[in-house]
Amino acid sequence: INENLPFNTTLQAAAACLVIHMLISYLIKGVVFCRAILTKAKEKYANPDDQRKRSMAAWNAVVIPTLACAWLFANLVPFFGDAVDLLGASFTPLSCWVMPIVMFVRYYVDADEEERPKVSILEWIVMAAEMALGLVLMVLGTKSAIETIVSKWQVYGYPFECHCQGLWSTCACSADHYGMDWCEITALANASLANAP
């Protein structure tokens, strides 16, 4: 979204909404993840109603390193957005479409005759089509994400390197960003001045 908006208050509002969205998503996922770690490590301190200092210290001992690792990983991988695309294309169709169908078919095969759900031919056809679609999306999406990473490999830069593309309204940073048409005009004017006798 933000790549198609010019540099103005609309872009700032969209960026603020994205930040709020990511903070909420991280908070929800982070709480579940950190609680699972704390429950495995020290179950007696994992109760969210426990207000003892030791419980709060245990919670912080899990949350702070998790946050640090998330920040480190996001900055260590210079193609983080494309890496997320690769993971999403590889695992989302598998976990959301293929695995539920496989688990249902396994249950259907293992269930006793009287417990087995009634499934019509149309439902089997729809499940087969959904399975095929999930597999096609997984293969083609993964292939596309890998091709994108390979094609941009020389552009990514090193870990922790500043990547300013699309962040500031300067020609050096965002020449190809929407609304930055004047960068071409400036470049042509500079080229004509350089070629002038």
Protein backbone atom coordinates (compact mmCIF):
# COMPACT_ATOMS: atom_id res chain seq x y z
CA ILE A 1 0.00 0.00 0.00
CA ASN A 2 2.61 2.52 1.07
CA GLU A 3 4.63 2.07 -2.13
CA ASN A 4 1.71 3.41 -4.19
CA LEU A 5 1.08 6.56 -2.15
CA PRO A 6 2.91 9.85 -2.71
CA PHE A 7 4.85 11.46 0.13
CA ASN A 8 2.13 13.34 2.03
CA THR A 9 -0.19 12.92 5.02
CA THR A 10 -1.92 9.97 3.33
CA LEU A 11 1.35 8.03 3.34
CA GLN A 12 1.96 9.02 6.97
CA ALA A 13 -1.52 7.88 7.99
CA ALA A 14 -1.08 4.58 6.15
CA ALA A 15 2.31 4.07 7.80
CA ALA A 16 0.82 4.80 11.23
CA CYS A 17 -1.95 2.25 10.60
CA LEU A 18 0.63 -0.34 9.52
CA VAL A 19 2.70 0.30 12.66
CA ILE A 20 -0.37 -0.11 14.88
CA HIS A 21 -1.35 -3.28 13.02
CA MET A 22 2.14 -4.77 13.39
CA LEU A 23 2.35 -3.84 17.08
CA ILE A 24 -0.98 -5.53 17.78
CA SER A 25 -0.01 -8.61 15.73
CA TYR A 26 3.37 -8.85 17.43
CA LEU A 27 1.77 -8.41 20.85
CA ILE A 28 -0.78 -11.19 20.26
CA LYS A 29 1.71 -13.62 18.76
CA GLY A 30 4.45 -12.66 21.21
CA VAL A 31 2.29 -13.27 24.26
CA VAL A 32 1.33 -16.75 23.05
CA PHE A 33 4.92 -17.61 22.08
CA CYS A 34 6.50 -16.26 25.28
CA ARG A 35 3.86 -17.87 27.48
CA ALA A 36 4.56 -21.25 25.86
CA ILE A 37 8.29 -20.84 26.49
CA LEU A 38 7.75 -19.76 30.09
CA THR A 39 5.32 -22.63 30.72
CA LYS A 40 7.89 -25.14 29.46
CA ALA A 41 10.77 -23.54 31.36
CA LYS A 42 9.15 -22.60 34.69
CA GLU A 43 5.47 -23.49 34.84
CA LYS A 44 5.02 -22.24 38.38
CA TYR A 45 5.81 -18.68 37.22
CA ALA A 46 3.67 -18.80 34.05
CA ASN A 47 0.30 -17.94 35.59
CA PRO A 48 -0.73 -14.51 34.24
CA ASP A 49 -2.57 -13.73 37.48
CA ASP A 50 0.57 -14.22 39.57
CA GLN A 51 1.78 -10.75 40.60
CA ARG A 52 4.89 -11.85 42.49
CA LYS A 53 8.15 -10.14 41.57
CA ARG A 54 9.73 -13.46 40.68
CA SER A 55 6.92 -14.19 38.17
CA MET A 56 7.30 -10.75 36.62
CA ALA A 57 11.07 -11.24 36.42
CA ALA A 58 10.59 -14.64 34.77
CA TRP A 59 8.15 -13.12 32.25
CA ASN A 60 10.61 -10.31 31.44
CA ALA A 61 13.45 -12.84 31.17
CA VAL A 62 11.52 -14.49 28.34
CA VAL A 63 9.97 -11.43 26.65
CA ILE A 64 13.04 -9.19 26.42
CA PRO A 65 15.31 -11.76 24.70
CA THR A 66 12.43 -12.67 22.36
CA LEU A 67 12.02 -9.02 21.38
CA ALA A 68 15.79 -8.66 20.93
CA CYS A 69 15.93 -11.77 18.74
CA ALA A 70 13.02 -10.51 16.60
CA TRP A 71 14.75 -7.16 16.11
CA LEU A 72 18.08 -8.83 15.37
CA PHE A 73 16.56 -11.22 12.82
CA ALA A 74 14.60 -8.43 11.09
CA ASN A 75 17.78 -6.37 10.69
CA LEU A 76 20.16 -9.24 10.05
CA VAL A 77 18.31 -10.44 6.97
CA PRO A 78 18.62 -7.64 4.40
CA PHE A 79 15.75 -9.07 2.35
CA PHE A 80 13.36 -9.52 5.28
CA GLY A 81 10.23 -8.69 3.27
CA ASP A 82 11.14 -11.17 0.54
CA ALA A 83 12.08 -13.77 3.18
CA VAL A 84 8.62 -13.35 4.71
CA ASP A 85 7.13 -13.79 1.22
CA LEU A 86 9.12 -17.02 0.81
CA LEU A 87 8.00 -18.39 4.17
CA GLY A 88 4.40 -17.39 3.50
CA ALA A 89 4.34 -18.96 0.05
CA SER A 90 6.00 -22.13 1.33
CA PHE A 91 4.03 -22.75 4.51
CA THR A 92 0.69 -20.92 4.37
CA PRO A 93 -0.98 -23.14 1.73
CA LEU A 94 0.47 -26.19 3.47
CA SER A 95 -0.77 -25.29 6.94
CA CYS A 96 -4.08 -23.68 5.96
CA TRP A 97 -5.27 -25.86 3.06
CA VAL A 98 -3.32 -29.05 2.63
CA MET A 99 -2.88 -30.19 6.24
CA PRO A 100 -6.54 -29.77 7.29
CA ILE A 101 -7.63 -31.88 4.33
CA VAL A 102 -4.98 -34.51 5.05
CA MET A 103 -6.03 -34.65 8.72
CA PHE A 104 -9.71 -34.97 7.77
CA VAL A 105 -8.99 -37.76 5.30
CA ARG A 106 -6.89 -39.53 7.92
CA TYR A 107 -9.74 -39.22 10.45
CA TYR A 108 -12.22 -40.43 7.84
CA VAL A 109 -10.13 -43.51 7.06
CA ASP A 110 -9.45 -44.34 10.74
CA ALA A 111 -12.99 -43.74 12.05
CA ASP A 112 -15.37 -46.61 12.66
CA GLU A 113 -18.22 -46.99 10.19
CA GLU A 114 -20.84 -45.58 12.59
CA GLU A 115 -18.61 -42.59 13.59
CA ARG A 116 -17.49 -41.78 10.09
CA PRO A 117 -18.98 -38.50 8.80
CA LYS A 118 -21.15 -38.59 5.69
CA VAL A 119 -19.26 -36.98 2.82
CA SER A 120 -20.86 -36.57 -0.60
CA ILE A 121 -19.07 -36.97 -3.92
CA LEU A 122 -19.31 -33.21 -4.45
CA GLU A 123 -17.51 -32.59 -1.14
CA TRP A 124 -14.72 -35.00 -2.12
CA ILE A 125 -14.37 -33.20 -5.46
CA VAL A 126 -14.22 -29.80 -3.73
CA MET A 127 -11.59 -31.10 -1.27
CA ALA A 128 -9.52 -32.51 -4.15
CA ALA A 129 -9.75 -29.20 -6.02
CA GLU A 130 -8.78 -27.29 -2.87
CA MET A 131 -5.85 -29.64 -2.30
CA ALA A 132 -4.69 -29.18 -5.91
CA LEU A 133 -5.05 -25.40 -5.65
CA GLY A 134 -3.10 -25.34 -2.38
CA LEU A 135 -0.28 -27.41 -3.87
CA VAL A 136 -0.15 -25.27 -7.02
CA LEU A 137 -0.07 -22.06 -4.98
CA MET A 138 2.61 -23.48 -2.72
CA VAL A 139 4.86 -24.56 -5.61
CA LEU A 140 4.36 -21.49 -7.80
CA GLY A 141 4.46 -19.04 -4.88
CA THR A 142 7.68 -20.56 -3.55
CA LYS A 143 9.19 -20.54 -7.05
CA SER A 144 8.22 -16.88 -7.53
CA ALA A 145 9.61 -15.85 -4.11
CA ILE A 146 12.91 -17.65 -4.79
CA GLU A 147 13.17 -16.03 -8.23
CA THR A 148 12.60 -12.60 -6.66
CA ILE A 149 15.32 -13.20 -4.06
CA VAL A 150 17.78 -14.46 -6.69
CA SER A 151 17.07 -11.56 -9.08
CA LYS A 152 17.57 -8.93 -6.34
CA TRP A 153 20.54 -10.63 -4.65
CA GLN A 154 23.05 -7.95 -5.74
CA VAL A 155 20.73 -5.13 -4.60
CA TYR A 156 20.04 -6.26 -1.03
CA GLY A 157 23.24 -5.08 0.61
CA TYR A 158 24.75 -6.29 3.85
CA PRO A 159 23.05 -6.97 7.18
CA PHE A 160 22.30 -3.80 9.18
CA GLU A 161 23.00 -1.68 6.09
CA CYS A 162 20.72 1.33 5.61
CA HIS A 163 18.08 0.63 2.98
CA CYS A 164 16.35 3.94 2.37
CA GLN A 165 14.31 2.98 -0.71
CA GLY A 166 10.88 4.55 -0.49
CA LEU A 167 11.48 6.16 2.91
CA TRP A 168 12.35 9.79 2.13
CA SER A 169 11.25 12.12 -0.62
CA THR A 170 14.66 12.55 -2.19
CA CYS A 171 15.73 11.43 -5.63
CA ALA A 172 18.70 9.53 -4.20
CA CYS A 173 16.43 7.43 -1.99
CA SER A 174 13.08 7.22 -3.76
CA ALA A 175 13.49 8.13 -7.41
CA ASP A 176 11.08 5.43 -8.59
CA HIS A 177 8.48 5.97 -5.81
CA TYR A 178 4.99 7.05 -6.87
CA GLY A 179 4.71 10.83 -7.11
CA MET A 180 8.45 11.35 -7.59
CA ASP A 181 8.20 12.09 -11.34
CA TRP A 182 10.27 15.24 -10.87
CA CYS A 183 13.32 13.05 -10.25
CA GLU A 184 13.38 12.10 -13.95
CA ILE A 185 13.08 15.76 -14.94
CA THR A 186 15.90 16.69 -12.55
CA ALA A 187 18.08 13.86 -13.87
CA LEU A 188 17.47 14.91 -17.49
CA ALA A 189 18.23 18.55 -16.65
CA ASN A 190 21.47 17.55 -14.88
CA ALA A 191 22.46 15.36 -17.83
CA SER A 192 21.83 18.17 -20.33
CA LEU A 193 23.86 20.57 -18.15
CA ALA A 194 26.72 18.07 -17.99
CA ASN A 195 26.71 17.70 -21.80
CA ALA A 196 26.53 21.46 -22.45
CA PRO A 197 29.72 22.97 -24.00
